[in-house]
Amino acid sequence: MGGRPSEIEAEIEANIEVVSTLLDVAQRGEERAFATAVVLPVDAYGDEYRWFDDLGWRAITLETNAFLSVADDAGFKETAIAGYDRFHTIAAAAVAYHL
C-alpha cells in the first residue's frame, strides 16, 4: 500500500493457539488465557452476537450467553471460558487491530 516493509519479521505461529490450550490455562485461572475481546468462529452464531469484549465496546448479549449456556449475568471471563469449551477443537488467533 505504498509503505515501507517492516524490518521486523512477524512470527505468525506465536499468535495462534489451539483453543483447548486456552481453555486449560483459563480453568487454572491464568490471566494470559484472556484477550481483550473474543470473536466466535464465522457461522457459529449470528454476526451481531459473535464479538464480545472486556472493555464495554461490545457488551455480552443475552443471546450470546444463551448460545454459550452461561447465566444471563455472566461476566467476560466466564463467557470466554464457555466459548473456549464449545470451540475447543479449533485454533484461535491473537490479533491487534488499531485505528
N, C-alpha and C. Protein backbone atom coordinates (compact mmCIF):
# COMPACT_ATOMS: atom_id res chain seq x y z
N MET A 1 0.82 -1.18 0.00
CA MET A 1 0.00 0.00 0.00
C MET A 1 0.86 1.25 0.00
N GLY A 2 2.06 1.12 -0.51
CA GLY A 2 2.92 2.27 -0.63
C GLY A 2 3.84 2.49 0.55
N GLY A 3 3.69 1.73 1.62
CA GLY A 3 4.55 1.88 2.81
C GLY A 3 5.81 1.07 2.67
N ARG A 4 6.73 1.35 3.56
CA ARG A 4 7.96 0.57 3.57
C ARG A 4 7.73 -0.75 4.30
N PRO A 5 8.32 -1.82 3.82
CA PRO A 5 8.20 -3.10 4.53
C PRO A 5 8.85 -2.99 5.91
N SER A 6 8.27 -3.70 6.86
CA SER A 6 8.81 -3.71 8.21
C SER A 6 10.16 -4.41 8.24
N GLU A 7 11.03 -3.93 9.10
CA GLU A 7 12.31 -4.60 9.28
C GLU A 7 12.19 -5.73 10.29
N ILE A 8 11.04 -5.86 10.91
CA ILE A 8 10.81 -6.90 11.89
C ILE A 8 10.02 -8.03 11.24
N GLU A 9 10.48 -9.24 11.41
CA GLU A 9 9.79 -10.38 10.84
C GLU A 9 8.68 -10.83 11.78
N ALA A 10 7.48 -10.97 11.24
CA ALA A 10 6.33 -11.42 12.04
C ALA A 10 6.48 -12.89 12.37
N GLU A 11 6.10 -13.25 13.57
CA GLU A 11 6.11 -14.64 13.99
C GLU A 11 4.66 -15.09 14.14
N ILE A 12 4.07 -15.44 13.02
CA ILE A 12 2.66 -15.79 13.00
C ILE A 12 2.35 -16.94 13.95
N GLU A 13 3.22 -17.92 14.01
CA GLU A 13 2.98 -19.08 14.86
C GLU A 13 2.83 -18.70 16.32
N ALA A 14 3.45 -17.61 16.74
CA ALA A 14 3.37 -17.18 18.13
C ALA A 14 2.00 -16.60 18.46
N ASN A 15 1.19 -16.33 17.46
CA ASN A 15 -0.13 -15.73 17.67
C ASN A 15 -1.28 -16.71 17.47
N ILE A 16 -0.97 -17.97 17.27
CA ILE A 16 -2.01 -18.97 17.02
C ILE A 16 -1.90 -20.06 18.08
N GLU A 17 -3.05 -20.45 18.61
CA GLU A 17 -3.09 -21.46 19.66
C GLU A 17 -4.34 -22.30 19.49
N VAL A 18 -4.26 -23.57 19.81
CA VAL A 18 -5.45 -24.41 19.83
C VAL A 18 -6.29 -23.97 21.02
N VAL A 19 -7.58 -23.81 20.81
CA VAL A 19 -8.45 -23.27 21.85
C VAL A 19 -8.45 -24.15 23.10
N SER A 20 -8.24 -25.45 22.96
CA SER A 20 -8.21 -26.32 24.15
C SER A 20 -7.08 -25.91 25.09
N THR A 21 -5.99 -25.39 24.57
CA THR A 21 -4.91 -24.90 25.41
C THR A 21 -5.35 -23.66 26.18
N LEU A 22 -6.05 -22.75 25.51
CA LEU A 22 -6.60 -21.58 26.19
C LEU A 22 -7.59 -21.99 27.29
N LEU A 23 -8.39 -23.00 27.01
CA LEU A 23 -9.35 -23.49 28.00
C LEU A 23 -8.63 -24.02 29.23
N ASP A 24 -7.60 -24.83 29.03
CA ASP A 24 -6.83 -25.36 30.16
C ASP A 24 -6.23 -24.24 31.01
N VAL A 25 -5.63 -23.27 30.36
CA VAL A 25 -4.99 -22.15 31.07
C VAL A 25 -6.04 -21.31 31.80
N ALA A 26 -7.18 -21.08 31.15
CA ALA A 26 -8.26 -20.29 31.76
C ALA A 26 -8.82 -21.00 32.99
N GLN A 27 -8.99 -22.30 32.89
CA GLN A 27 -9.54 -23.06 34.02
C GLN A 27 -8.58 -23.07 35.22
N ARG A 28 -7.31 -22.84 34.97
CA ARG A 28 -6.34 -22.72 36.06
C ARG A 28 -6.32 -21.30 36.62
N GLY A 29 -7.09 -20.40 36.00
CA GLY A 29 -7.18 -19.03 36.48
C GLY A 29 -6.06 -18.12 36.02
N GLU A 30 -5.34 -18.51 34.99
CA GLU A 30 -4.24 -17.70 34.50
C GLU A 30 -4.76 -16.59 33.58
N GLU A 31 -4.35 -15.37 33.87
CA GLU A 31 -4.81 -14.20 33.11
C GLU A 31 -4.41 -14.25 31.64
N ARG A 32 -3.32 -14.90 31.33
CA ARG A 32 -2.87 -14.92 29.93
C ARG A 32 -3.84 -15.64 29.00
N ALA A 33 -4.83 -16.31 29.56
CA ALA A 33 -5.82 -17.00 28.74
C ALA A 33 -6.85 -16.05 28.15
N PHE A 34 -6.85 -14.81 28.63
CA PHE A 34 -7.91 -13.89 28.24
C PHE A 34 -7.37 -12.70 27.48
N ALA A 35 -7.86 -12.54 26.28
CA ALA A 35 -7.56 -11.35 25.48
C ALA A 35 -8.56 -10.27 25.87
N THR A 36 -8.49 -9.15 25.22
CA THR A 36 -9.43 -8.06 25.46
C THR A 36 -10.80 -8.40 24.90
N ALA A 37 -10.83 -9.14 23.81
CA ALA A 37 -12.09 -9.48 23.16
C ALA A 37 -12.05 -10.92 22.66
N VAL A 38 -13.23 -11.46 22.46
CA VAL A 38 -13.38 -12.78 21.87
C VAL A 38 -14.31 -12.63 20.67
N VAL A 39 -13.92 -13.23 19.57
CA VAL A 39 -14.79 -13.29 18.40
C VAL A 39 -14.99 -14.76 18.09
N LEU A 40 -16.22 -15.21 18.21
CA LEU A 40 -16.53 -16.61 17.94
C LEU A 40 -16.38 -16.90 16.45
N PRO A 41 -16.20 -18.17 16.09
CA PRO A 41 -15.97 -18.51 14.68
C PRO A 41 -17.09 -18.04 13.75
N VAL A 42 -16.72 -17.80 12.51
CA VAL A 42 -17.68 -17.45 11.47
C VAL A 42 -18.74 -18.54 11.41
N ASP A 43 -19.97 -18.16 11.26
CA ASP A 43 -21.12 -19.07 11.17
C ASP A 43 -21.42 -19.81 12.47
N ALA A 44 -20.73 -19.47 13.57
CA ALA A 44 -21.03 -20.10 14.85
C ALA A 44 -22.38 -19.63 15.36
N TYR A 45 -22.67 -18.39 15.10
CA TYR A 45 -23.90 -17.76 15.58
C TYR A 45 -24.05 -16.47 14.79
N GLY A 46 -25.11 -15.74 15.00
CA GLY A 46 -25.32 -14.50 14.26
C GLY A 46 -24.16 -13.54 14.45
N ASP A 47 -23.78 -12.86 13.39
CA ASP A 47 -22.62 -11.96 13.44
C ASP A 47 -22.71 -10.95 14.57
N GLU A 48 -23.90 -10.44 14.86
CA GLU A 48 -24.04 -9.42 15.89
C GLU A 48 -23.83 -9.98 17.31
N TYR A 49 -23.73 -11.30 17.45
CA TYR A 49 -23.55 -11.92 18.76
C TYR A 49 -22.18 -12.59 18.94
N ARG A 50 -21.37 -12.58 17.90
CA ARG A 50 -20.11 -13.32 17.93
C ARG A 50 -18.99 -12.59 18.67
N TRP A 51 -19.03 -11.28 18.74
CA TRP A 51 -17.94 -10.50 19.33
C TRP A 51 -18.39 -9.94 20.67
N PHE A 52 -17.59 -10.20 21.70
CA PHE A 52 -17.82 -9.57 23.00
C PHE A 52 -16.46 -9.25 23.60
N ASP A 53 -16.43 -8.23 24.45
CA ASP A 53 -15.14 -7.82 24.98
C ASP A 53 -15.23 -7.43 26.45
N ASP A 54 -14.07 -7.19 27.01
CA ASP A 54 -13.95 -6.86 28.43
C ASP A 54 -13.82 -5.35 28.65
N LEU A 55 -13.98 -4.57 27.59
CA LEU A 55 -13.83 -3.12 27.69
C LEU A 55 -15.15 -2.37 27.62
N GLY A 56 -16.21 -3.06 27.26
CA GLY A 56 -17.51 -2.41 27.15
C GLY A 56 -17.84 -1.89 25.76
N TRP A 57 -16.97 -2.15 24.79
CA TRP A 57 -17.28 -1.73 23.42
C TRP A 57 -18.44 -2.55 22.88
N ARG A 58 -18.36 -3.85 23.11
CA ARG A 58 -19.41 -4.78 22.66
C ARG A 58 -19.85 -5.58 23.88
N ALA A 59 -20.98 -5.24 24.39
CA ALA A 59 -21.50 -5.94 25.58
C ALA A 59 -21.81 -7.39 25.25
N ILE A 60 -21.76 -8.20 26.27
CA ILE A 60 -22.14 -9.60 26.12
C ILE A 60 -23.66 -9.63 26.10
N THR A 61 -24.23 -10.10 25.02
CA THR A 61 -25.68 -10.10 24.88
C THR A 61 -26.30 -11.32 25.55
N LEU A 62 -27.58 -11.20 25.86
CA LEU A 62 -28.30 -12.35 26.41
C LEU A 62 -28.30 -13.51 25.43
N GLU A 63 -28.34 -13.18 24.14
CA GLU A 63 -28.32 -14.23 23.10
C GLU A 63 -26.99 -14.98 23.11
N THR A 64 -25.89 -14.24 23.28
CA THR A 64 -24.57 -14.88 23.33
C THR A 64 -24.49 -15.79 24.55
N ASN A 65 -24.94 -15.29 25.70
CA ASN A 65 -24.90 -16.10 26.91
C ASN A 65 -25.76 -17.35 26.77
N ALA A 66 -26.94 -17.22 26.16
CA ALA A 66 -27.80 -18.37 25.95
C ALA A 66 -27.13 -19.37 25.01
N PHE A 67 -26.53 -18.87 23.93
CA PHE A 67 -25.84 -19.74 22.97
C PHE A 67 -24.71 -20.51 23.64
N LEU A 68 -24.00 -19.85 24.56
CA LEU A 68 -22.87 -20.49 25.24
C LEU A 68 -23.27 -21.16 26.56
N SER A 69 -24.56 -21.15 26.87
CA SER A 69 -25.11 -21.81 28.06
C SER A 69 -24.51 -21.31 29.37
N VAL A 70 -24.42 -19.97 29.48
CA VAL A 70 -23.99 -19.36 30.74
C VAL A 70 -25.12 -18.48 31.25
N ALA A 71 -25.04 -18.11 32.50
CA ALA A 71 -26.08 -17.26 33.11
C ALA A 71 -26.18 -15.92 32.40
N ASP A 72 -27.36 -15.33 32.45
CA ASP A 72 -27.59 -14.04 31.81
C ASP A 72 -26.61 -12.97 32.28
N ASP A 73 -26.21 -13.04 33.53
CA ASP A 73 -25.31 -12.02 34.07
C ASP A 73 -23.85 -12.47 34.13
N ALA A 74 -23.50 -13.50 33.36
CA ALA A 74 -22.12 -13.99 33.35
C ALA A 74 -21.18 -12.89 32.87
N GLY A 75 -20.03 -12.82 33.48
CA GLY A 75 -19.03 -11.84 33.10
C GLY A 75 -18.19 -12.31 31.92
N PHE A 76 -17.25 -11.45 31.55
CA PHE A 76 -16.42 -11.72 30.38
C PHE A 76 -15.67 -13.05 30.49
N LYS A 77 -14.98 -13.27 31.60
CA LYS A 77 -14.16 -14.48 31.72
C LYS A 77 -15.01 -15.75 31.68
N GLU A 78 -16.13 -15.74 32.38
CA GLU A 78 -17.00 -16.91 32.37
C GLU A 78 -17.52 -17.18 30.96
N THR A 79 -17.90 -16.12 30.25
CA THR A 79 -18.40 -16.28 28.90
C THR A 79 -17.29 -16.73 27.96
N ALA A 80 -16.10 -16.17 28.12
CA ALA A 80 -14.96 -16.59 27.29
C ALA A 80 -14.65 -18.06 27.51
N ILE A 81 -14.64 -18.50 28.76
CA ILE A 81 -14.37 -19.92 29.05
C ILE A 81 -15.42 -20.81 28.41
N ALA A 82 -16.67 -20.39 28.44
CA ALA A 82 -17.73 -21.17 27.80
C ALA A 82 -17.50 -21.24 26.29
N GLY A 83 -17.05 -20.14 25.70
CA GLY A 83 -16.71 -20.14 24.28
C GLY A 83 -15.53 -21.06 23.99
N TYR A 84 -14.51 -21.01 24.84
CA TYR A 84 -13.36 -21.90 24.68
C TYR A 84 -13.81 -23.36 24.75
N ASP A 85 -14.69 -23.65 25.69
CA ASP A 85 -15.16 -25.02 25.86
C ASP A 85 -15.93 -25.49 24.63
N ARG A 86 -16.80 -24.63 24.14
CA ARG A 86 -17.63 -25.00 22.98
C ARG A 86 -16.79 -25.20 21.72
N PHE A 87 -15.74 -24.39 21.55
CA PHE A 87 -14.94 -24.44 20.33
C PHE A 87 -13.52 -24.93 20.58
N HIS A 88 -13.35 -25.85 21.53
CA HIS A 88 -12.03 -26.29 21.97
C HIS A 88 -11.21 -27.01 20.90
N THR A 89 -11.82 -27.47 19.82
CA THR A 89 -11.08 -28.22 18.81
C THR A 89 -10.49 -27.37 17.69
N ILE A 90 -10.77 -26.07 17.70
CA ILE A 90 -10.28 -25.23 16.61
C ILE A 90 -9.09 -24.39 17.08
N ALA A 91 -8.50 -23.67 16.18
CA ALA A 91 -7.38 -22.78 16.51
C ALA A 91 -7.90 -21.36 16.67
N ALA A 92 -7.23 -20.62 17.53
CA ALA A 92 -7.56 -19.21 17.75
C ALA A 92 -6.35 -18.38 17.36
N ALA A 93 -6.61 -17.19 16.86
CA ALA A 93 -5.52 -16.28 16.50
C ALA A 93 -5.64 -15.01 17.33
N ALA A 94 -4.52 -14.55 17.84
CA ALA A 94 -4.47 -13.26 18.54
C ALA A 94 -4.20 -12.19 17.50
N VAL A 95 -5.03 -11.17 17.52
CA VAL A 95 -4.91 -10.09 16.54
C VAL A 95 -4.97 -8.76 17.26
N ALA A 96 -4.08 -7.87 16.93
CA ALA A 96 -4.13 -6.49 17.45
C ALA A 96 -4.59 -5.61 16.30
N TYR A 97 -5.69 -4.91 16.51
CA TYR A 97 -6.24 -4.06 15.47
C TYR A 97 -6.40 -2.67 16.05
N HIS A 98 -5.71 -1.74 15.48
CA HIS A 98 -5.74 -0.36 15.98
C HIS A 98 -6.16 0.58 14.86
N LEU A 99 -7.02 1.51 15.19
CA LEU A 99 -7.46 2.51 14.20
C LEU A 99 -6.64 3.75 14.33
